[in-house]
Amino acid sequence: MTNRVPNHARVIPLRPAPAPPATTPATREPLWRDLVGDVLRRERLAQERTLKDVADAARISMPYLSEVERGRKEASSEVLAAAAQALGLGLGDLLSRAHGELVRVTGARAATSRGMSGSAHSGLLLAA
């Protein structure tokens, strides 16, 4: 009689998962929530308004607006529209400014990597 372990009882060591591809801050795409939050904060500060004032006008909590401005929360379109309106902007204005920031950030990076200046495209591109 041999001491063989049946196939179904064998422990097969798992190989470690492959490491994710290394990304550096220079190659990481900016997050939309960061761009929108930056636009909201920049506009609020340009108007010399407090976080409480804008949150009250938008009828959202001050801590939540703070989290949105810092890019920690993915705000719904309703929240973004309310915050934009409280700042005297339309939702389209907010999104257009965030898009401009995205083009500026990624366009500068792309131009540097291509050795050119300017962005690869001009205009708003949307994918379904």
N, C-alpha and C. Protein backbone atom coordinates (compact mmCIF):
# COMPACT_ATOMS: atom_id res chain seq x y z
N MET A 1 0.84 -1.17 0.00
CA MET A 1 0.00 0.00 0.00
C MET A 1 0.89 1.24 0.00
N THR A 2 0.62 2.20 -0.89
CA THR A 2 1.42 3.43 -0.96
C THR A 2 0.67 4.57 -0.30
N ASN A 3 1.42 5.57 0.11
CA ASN A 3 0.83 6.76 0.75
C ASN A 3 0.57 7.83 -0.31
N ARG A 4 -0.22 7.54 -1.25
CA ARG A 4 -0.54 8.52 -2.29
C ARG A 4 -1.76 9.34 -1.87
N VAL A 5 -1.70 10.60 -2.15
CA VAL A 5 -2.82 11.50 -1.85
C VAL A 5 -3.68 11.56 -3.10
N PRO A 6 -4.98 11.36 -2.96
CA PRO A 6 -5.85 11.45 -4.13
C PRO A 6 -5.76 12.83 -4.76
N ASN A 7 -5.96 12.90 -6.07
CA ASN A 7 -5.85 14.17 -6.80
C ASN A 7 -6.75 15.25 -6.21
N HIS A 8 -7.94 14.89 -5.80
CA HIS A 8 -8.86 15.91 -5.29
C HIS A 8 -8.44 16.45 -3.92
N ALA A 9 -7.51 15.81 -3.25
CA ALA A 9 -7.08 16.25 -1.93
C ALA A 9 -5.73 16.95 -1.95
N ARG A 10 -5.11 17.03 -3.11
CA ARG A 10 -3.79 17.67 -3.18
C ARG A 10 -3.93 19.18 -3.06
N VAL A 11 -2.96 19.75 -2.40
CA VAL A 11 -2.91 21.21 -2.29
C VAL A 11 -1.94 21.70 -3.34
N ILE A 12 -2.44 22.50 -4.23
CA ILE A 12 -1.61 23.05 -5.30
C ILE A 12 -1.31 24.50 -4.92
N PRO A 13 -0.03 24.80 -4.76
CA PRO A 13 0.30 26.18 -4.37
C PRO A 13 -0.11 27.16 -5.47
N LEU A 14 -0.67 28.27 -5.05
CA LEU A 14 -1.07 29.31 -6.00
C LEU A 14 0.13 30.16 -6.35
N ARG A 15 0.19 30.50 -7.60
CA ARG A 15 1.23 31.44 -8.02
C ARG A 15 0.78 32.83 -7.63
N PRO A 16 1.72 33.65 -7.23
CA PRO A 16 1.32 35.02 -6.90
C PRO A 16 0.75 35.72 -8.14
N ALA A 17 -0.22 36.56 -7.90
CA ALA A 17 -0.82 37.31 -9.01
C ALA A 17 0.23 38.23 -9.60
N PRO A 18 0.19 38.43 -10.91
CA PRO A 18 1.17 39.33 -11.51
C PRO A 18 0.96 40.74 -10.98
N ALA A 19 2.04 41.43 -10.83
CA ALA A 19 1.97 42.81 -10.34
C ALA A 19 1.28 43.67 -11.39
N PRO A 20 0.44 44.61 -10.95
CA PRO A 20 -0.19 45.50 -11.93
C PRO A 20 0.88 46.35 -12.60
N PRO A 21 0.60 46.79 -13.81
CA PRO A 21 1.60 47.63 -14.48
C PRO A 21 1.89 48.87 -13.66
N ALA A 22 3.13 49.21 -13.60
CA ALA A 22 3.54 50.38 -12.82
C ALA A 22 3.03 51.64 -13.50
N THR A 23 2.40 52.48 -12.71
CA THR A 23 1.98 53.78 -13.23
C THR A 23 2.61 54.84 -12.38
N THR A 24 3.04 55.84 -13.01
CA THR A 24 3.62 56.96 -12.30
C THR A 24 2.60 58.09 -12.31
N PRO A 25 2.71 59.02 -11.39
CA PRO A 25 1.76 60.13 -11.39
C PRO A 25 1.72 60.86 -12.73
N ALA A 26 2.83 60.85 -13.46
CA ALA A 26 2.87 61.56 -14.73
C ALA A 26 2.04 60.85 -15.81
N THR A 27 1.83 59.53 -15.68
CA THR A 27 1.09 58.81 -16.71
C THR A 27 -0.34 58.50 -16.30
N ARG A 28 -0.71 58.73 -15.07
CA ARG A 28 -2.06 58.43 -14.60
C ARG A 28 -3.03 59.47 -15.15
N GLU A 29 -4.12 58.98 -15.71
CA GLU A 29 -5.16 59.88 -16.20
C GLU A 29 -5.82 60.55 -15.01
N PRO A 30 -6.14 61.83 -15.13
CA PRO A 30 -6.84 62.50 -14.02
C PRO A 30 -8.25 61.95 -13.89
N LEU A 31 -8.74 61.91 -12.68
CA LEU A 31 -10.10 61.45 -12.44
C LEU A 31 -11.08 62.60 -12.64
N TRP A 32 -12.22 62.28 -13.23
CA TRP A 32 -13.24 63.30 -13.49
C TRP A 32 -13.67 63.99 -12.21
N ARG A 33 -13.82 63.21 -11.12
CA ARG A 33 -14.27 63.80 -9.86
C ARG A 33 -13.25 64.81 -9.34
N ASP A 34 -11.96 64.58 -9.58
CA ASP A 34 -10.94 65.55 -9.17
C ASP A 34 -11.05 66.83 -9.98
N LEU A 35 -11.25 66.69 -11.28
CA LEU A 35 -11.35 67.86 -12.16
C LEU A 35 -12.58 68.70 -11.80
N VAL A 36 -13.72 68.04 -11.62
CA VAL A 36 -14.95 68.76 -11.28
C VAL A 36 -14.82 69.42 -9.91
N GLY A 37 -14.26 68.70 -8.95
CA GLY A 37 -14.06 69.27 -7.62
C GLY A 37 -13.16 70.49 -7.65
N ASP A 38 -12.10 70.42 -8.45
CA ASP A 38 -11.19 71.57 -8.57
C ASP A 38 -11.92 72.78 -9.14
N VAL A 39 -12.75 72.54 -10.15
CA VAL A 39 -13.51 73.64 -10.76
C VAL A 39 -14.47 74.26 -9.74
N LEU A 40 -15.18 73.42 -9.00
CA LEU A 40 -16.11 73.94 -7.99
C LEU A 40 -15.38 74.75 -6.93
N ARG A 41 -14.30 74.23 -6.42
CA ARG A 41 -13.55 74.95 -5.38
C ARG A 41 -12.98 76.26 -5.91
N ARG A 42 -12.40 76.21 -7.12
CA ARG A 42 -11.80 77.42 -7.70
C ARG A 42 -12.86 78.50 -7.88
N GLU A 43 -14.05 78.12 -8.36
CA GLU A 43 -15.12 79.09 -8.57
C GLU A 43 -15.62 79.64 -7.23
N ARG A 44 -15.77 78.77 -6.24
CA ARG A 44 -16.24 79.22 -4.92
C ARG A 44 -15.26 80.22 -4.32
N LEU A 45 -13.98 79.90 -4.40
CA LEU A 45 -12.96 80.80 -3.84
C LEU A 45 -12.87 82.11 -4.63
N ALA A 46 -13.06 82.04 -5.95
CA ALA A 46 -13.04 83.25 -6.78
C ALA A 46 -14.18 84.18 -6.39
N GLN A 47 -15.29 83.60 -5.95
CA GLN A 47 -16.44 84.39 -5.51
C GLN A 47 -16.32 84.79 -4.04
N GLU A 48 -15.24 84.37 -3.39
CA GLU A 48 -14.99 84.64 -1.98
C GLU A 48 -16.18 84.19 -1.12
N ARG A 49 -16.66 82.98 -1.40
CA ARG A 49 -17.78 82.42 -0.65
C ARG A 49 -17.28 81.26 0.21
N THR A 50 -17.98 81.04 1.30
CA THR A 50 -17.60 79.95 2.19
C THR A 50 -18.24 78.65 1.71
N LEU A 51 -17.66 77.57 2.17
CA LEU A 51 -18.21 76.25 1.88
C LEU A 51 -19.64 76.15 2.41
N LYS A 52 -19.87 76.68 3.60
CA LYS A 52 -21.20 76.65 4.21
C LYS A 52 -22.21 77.41 3.37
N ASP A 53 -21.83 78.59 2.89
CA ASP A 53 -22.72 79.41 2.08
C ASP A 53 -23.16 78.66 0.82
N VAL A 54 -22.21 78.06 0.11
CA VAL A 54 -22.52 77.36 -1.13
C VAL A 54 -23.33 76.10 -0.85
N ALA A 55 -22.94 75.37 0.19
CA ALA A 55 -23.68 74.14 0.55
C ALA A 55 -25.12 74.47 0.91
N ASP A 56 -25.32 75.53 1.67
CA ASP A 56 -26.69 75.93 2.03
C ASP A 56 -27.49 76.32 0.80
N ALA A 57 -26.87 77.08 -0.10
CA ALA A 57 -27.56 77.51 -1.32
C ALA A 57 -27.89 76.31 -2.21
N ALA A 58 -27.01 75.30 -2.21
CA ALA A 58 -27.22 74.11 -3.04
C ALA A 58 -28.10 73.08 -2.36
N ARG A 59 -28.37 73.30 -1.06
CA ARG A 59 -29.16 72.36 -0.25
C ARG A 59 -28.52 70.98 -0.18
N ILE A 60 -27.19 71.01 0.00
CA ILE A 60 -26.44 69.78 0.26
C ILE A 60 -25.61 70.01 1.52
N SER A 61 -25.18 68.94 2.15
CA SER A 61 -24.44 69.12 3.40
C SER A 61 -23.05 69.69 3.12
N MET A 62 -22.60 70.47 4.06
CA MET A 62 -21.28 71.08 3.94
C MET A 62 -20.18 70.01 3.88
N PRO A 63 -20.21 68.97 4.74
CA PRO A 63 -19.17 67.93 4.63
C PRO A 63 -19.17 67.23 3.27
N TYR A 64 -20.38 67.01 2.72
CA TYR A 64 -20.45 66.34 1.42
C TYR A 64 -19.86 67.23 0.32
N LEU A 65 -20.20 68.51 0.33
CA LEU A 65 -19.64 69.43 -0.66
C LEU A 65 -18.12 69.49 -0.54
N SER A 66 -17.63 69.48 0.66
CA SER A 66 -16.19 69.47 0.87
C SER A 66 -15.55 68.23 0.25
N GLU A 67 -16.19 67.07 0.45
CA GLU A 67 -15.68 65.83 -0.12
C GLU A 67 -15.71 65.88 -1.65
N VAL A 68 -16.75 66.47 -2.22
CA VAL A 68 -16.85 66.61 -3.67
C VAL A 68 -15.74 67.51 -4.18
N GLU A 69 -15.53 68.64 -3.52
CA GLU A 69 -14.48 69.57 -3.94
C GLU A 69 -13.09 68.92 -3.88
N ARG A 70 -12.88 68.04 -2.93
CA ARG A 70 -11.58 67.39 -2.79
C ARG A 70 -11.44 66.13 -3.65
N GLY A 71 -12.49 65.82 -4.43
CA GLY A 71 -12.44 64.67 -5.32
C GLY A 71 -12.57 63.34 -4.60
N ARG A 72 -13.13 63.36 -3.41
CA ARG A 72 -13.29 62.12 -2.64
C ARG A 72 -14.63 61.45 -2.87
N LYS A 73 -15.57 62.16 -3.45
CA LYS A 73 -16.90 61.61 -3.71
C LYS A 73 -17.26 61.78 -5.18
N GLU A 74 -17.90 60.76 -5.73
CA GLU A 74 -18.46 60.83 -7.08
C GLU A 74 -19.87 61.38 -6.94
N ALA A 75 -20.03 62.64 -7.18
CA ALA A 75 -21.33 63.28 -6.99
C ALA A 75 -22.26 62.95 -8.15
N SER A 76 -23.55 62.85 -7.83
CA SER A 76 -24.56 62.63 -8.86
C SER A 76 -24.71 63.90 -9.70
N SER A 77 -25.35 63.74 -10.84
CA SER A 77 -25.58 64.90 -11.69
C SER A 77 -26.48 65.92 -11.00
N GLU A 78 -27.40 65.45 -10.15
CA GLU A 78 -28.27 66.37 -9.41
C GLU A 78 -27.46 67.22 -8.43
N VAL A 79 -26.52 66.59 -7.73
CA VAL A 79 -25.69 67.31 -6.77
C VAL A 79 -24.79 68.30 -7.52
N LEU A 80 -24.20 67.86 -8.61
CA LEU A 80 -23.32 68.76 -9.39
C LEU A 80 -24.12 69.94 -9.93
N ALA A 81 -25.32 69.68 -10.42
CA ALA A 81 -26.15 70.77 -10.94
C ALA A 81 -26.52 71.75 -9.84
N ALA A 82 -26.84 71.24 -8.64
CA ALA A 82 -27.19 72.12 -7.52
C ALA A 82 -25.99 72.95 -7.09
N ALA A 83 -24.82 72.33 -7.00
CA ALA A 83 -23.62 73.07 -6.61
C ALA A 83 -23.27 74.13 -7.66
N ALA A 84 -23.38 73.75 -8.93
CA ALA A 84 -23.09 74.71 -10.00
C ALA A 84 -24.06 75.88 -9.95
N GLN A 85 -25.35 75.58 -9.78
CA GLN A 85 -26.36 76.64 -9.73
C GLN A 85 -26.12 77.56 -8.54
N ALA A 86 -25.72 76.99 -7.41
CA ALA A 86 -25.44 77.81 -6.23
C ALA A 86 -24.28 78.77 -6.50
N LEU A 87 -23.43 78.42 -7.44
CA LEU A 87 -22.30 79.28 -7.81
C LEU A 87 -22.61 80.16 -9.02
N GLY A 88 -23.86 80.09 -9.49
CA GLY A 88 -24.25 80.91 -10.63
C GLY A 88 -23.82 80.31 -11.96
N LEU A 89 -23.57 79.01 -11.98
CA LEU A 89 -23.16 78.33 -13.21
C LEU A 89 -24.25 77.34 -13.60
N GLY A 90 -24.32 77.02 -14.87
CA GLY A 90 -25.15 75.91 -15.31
C GLY A 90 -24.32 74.64 -15.24
N LEU A 91 -24.99 73.51 -15.30
CA LEU A 91 -24.27 72.24 -15.30
C LEU A 91 -23.34 72.16 -16.50
N GLY A 92 -23.79 72.66 -17.64
CA GLY A 92 -22.94 72.68 -18.84
C GLY A 92 -21.69 73.51 -18.64
N ASP A 93 -21.81 74.64 -17.93
CA ASP A 93 -20.65 75.48 -17.65
C ASP A 93 -19.63 74.71 -16.80
N LEU A 94 -20.13 74.04 -15.78
CA LEU A 94 -19.26 73.27 -14.90
C LEU A 94 -18.54 72.17 -15.67
N LEU A 95 -19.30 71.42 -16.47
CA LEU A 95 -18.69 70.33 -17.22
C LEU A 95 -17.74 70.84 -18.29
N SER A 96 -18.07 71.96 -18.91
CA SER A 96 -17.19 72.55 -19.91
C SER A 96 -15.86 72.99 -19.29
N ARG A 97 -15.93 73.58 -18.10
CA ARG A 97 -14.70 74.00 -17.42
C ARG A 97 -13.86 72.79 -16.99
N ALA A 98 -14.55 71.74 -16.54
CA ALA A 98 -13.82 70.51 -16.17
C ALA A 98 -13.19 69.89 -17.40
N HIS A 99 -13.91 69.92 -18.52
CA HIS A 99 -13.35 69.41 -19.78
C HIS A 99 -12.12 70.22 -20.18
N GLY A 100 -12.20 71.53 -20.06
CA GLY A 100 -11.05 72.38 -20.38
C GLY A 100 -9.84 72.03 -19.53
N GLU A 101 -10.10 71.77 -18.25
CA GLU A 101 -9.02 71.37 -17.35
C GLU A 101 -8.43 70.02 -17.77
N LEU A 102 -9.29 69.10 -18.18
CA LEU A 102 -8.83 67.79 -18.64
C LEU A 102 -7.95 67.93 -19.87
N VAL A 103 -8.39 68.74 -20.83
CA VAL A 103 -7.60 68.96 -22.04
C VAL A 103 -6.28 69.62 -21.69
N ARG A 104 -6.31 70.57 -20.77
CA ARG A 104 -5.08 71.25 -20.38
C ARG A 104 -4.09 70.27 -19.76
N VAL A 105 -4.58 69.45 -18.84
CA VAL A 105 -3.70 68.52 -18.13
C VAL A 105 -3.19 67.42 -19.06
N THR A 106 -4.11 66.78 -19.79
CA THR A 106 -3.69 65.67 -20.65
C THR A 106 -3.05 66.16 -21.93
N GLY A 107 -3.48 67.32 -22.42
CA GLY A 107 -2.88 67.88 -23.63
C GLY A 107 -1.44 68.26 -23.41
N ALA A 108 -1.15 68.84 -22.24
CA ALA A 108 0.23 69.22 -21.93
C ALA A 108 1.10 67.97 -21.83
N ARG A 109 0.55 66.90 -21.23
CA ARG A 109 1.31 65.66 -21.09
C ARG A 109 1.53 65.02 -22.45
N ALA A 110 0.47 65.00 -23.29
CA ALA A 110 0.58 64.39 -24.61
C ALA A 110 1.54 65.18 -25.49
N ALA A 111 1.49 66.51 -25.40
CA ALA A 111 2.39 67.34 -26.20
C ALA A 111 3.83 67.11 -25.79
N THR A 112 4.05 66.95 -24.50
CA THR A 112 5.41 66.70 -24.02
C THR A 112 5.91 65.36 -24.54
N SER A 113 5.06 64.34 -24.51
CA SER A 113 5.48 63.02 -24.96
C SER A 113 5.65 62.97 -26.47
N ARG A 114 4.92 63.82 -27.21
CA ARG A 114 5.05 63.86 -28.67
C ARG A 114 6.07 64.88 -29.13
N GLY A 115 6.51 65.73 -28.21
CA GLY A 115 7.43 66.78 -28.59
C GLY A 115 6.76 67.91 -29.33
N MET A 116 5.46 68.11 -29.10
CA MET A 116 4.71 69.16 -29.76
C MET A 116 4.03 70.01 -28.69
N SER A 117 3.49 71.12 -29.11
CA SER A 117 2.72 71.92 -28.16
C SER A 117 1.27 71.88 -28.59
N GLY A 118 0.38 72.07 -27.62
CA GLY A 118 -1.05 72.05 -27.89
C GLY A 118 -1.64 70.68 -27.67
N SER A 119 -2.94 70.60 -27.81
CA SER A 119 -3.60 69.32 -27.57
C SER A 119 -3.76 68.57 -28.88
N ALA A 120 -4.04 67.28 -28.77
CA ALA A 120 -4.19 66.44 -29.94
C ALA A 120 -5.48 66.75 -30.69
N HIS A 121 -6.45 67.36 -30.01
CA HIS A 121 -7.72 67.68 -30.64
C HIS A 121 -8.27 68.93 -30.00
N SER A 122 -9.18 69.53 -30.71
CA SER A 122 -9.88 70.66 -30.11
C SER A 122 -11.36 70.37 -30.20
N GLY A 123 -12.04 70.57 -29.12
CA GLY A 123 -13.47 70.30 -29.09
C GLY A 123 -13.77 69.19 -28.11
N LEU A 124 -15.04 69.03 -27.86
CA LEU A 124 -15.52 68.04 -26.90
C LEU A 124 -15.78 66.74 -27.62
N LEU A 125 -15.19 65.66 -27.11
CA LEU A 125 -15.40 64.33 -27.67
C LEU A 125 -16.09 63.48 -26.63
N LEU A 126 -17.19 62.85 -26.99
CA LEU A 126 -17.94 62.00 -26.09
C LEU A 126 -18.06 60.61 -26.73
N ALA A 127 -18.01 59.61 -25.88
CA ALA A 127 -18.20 58.25 -26.36
C ALA A 127 -19.39 57.63 -25.64
N ALA A 128 -20.16 56.87 -26.33
CA ALA A 128 -21.32 56.22 -25.71
C ALA A 128 -20.93 54.89 -25.13
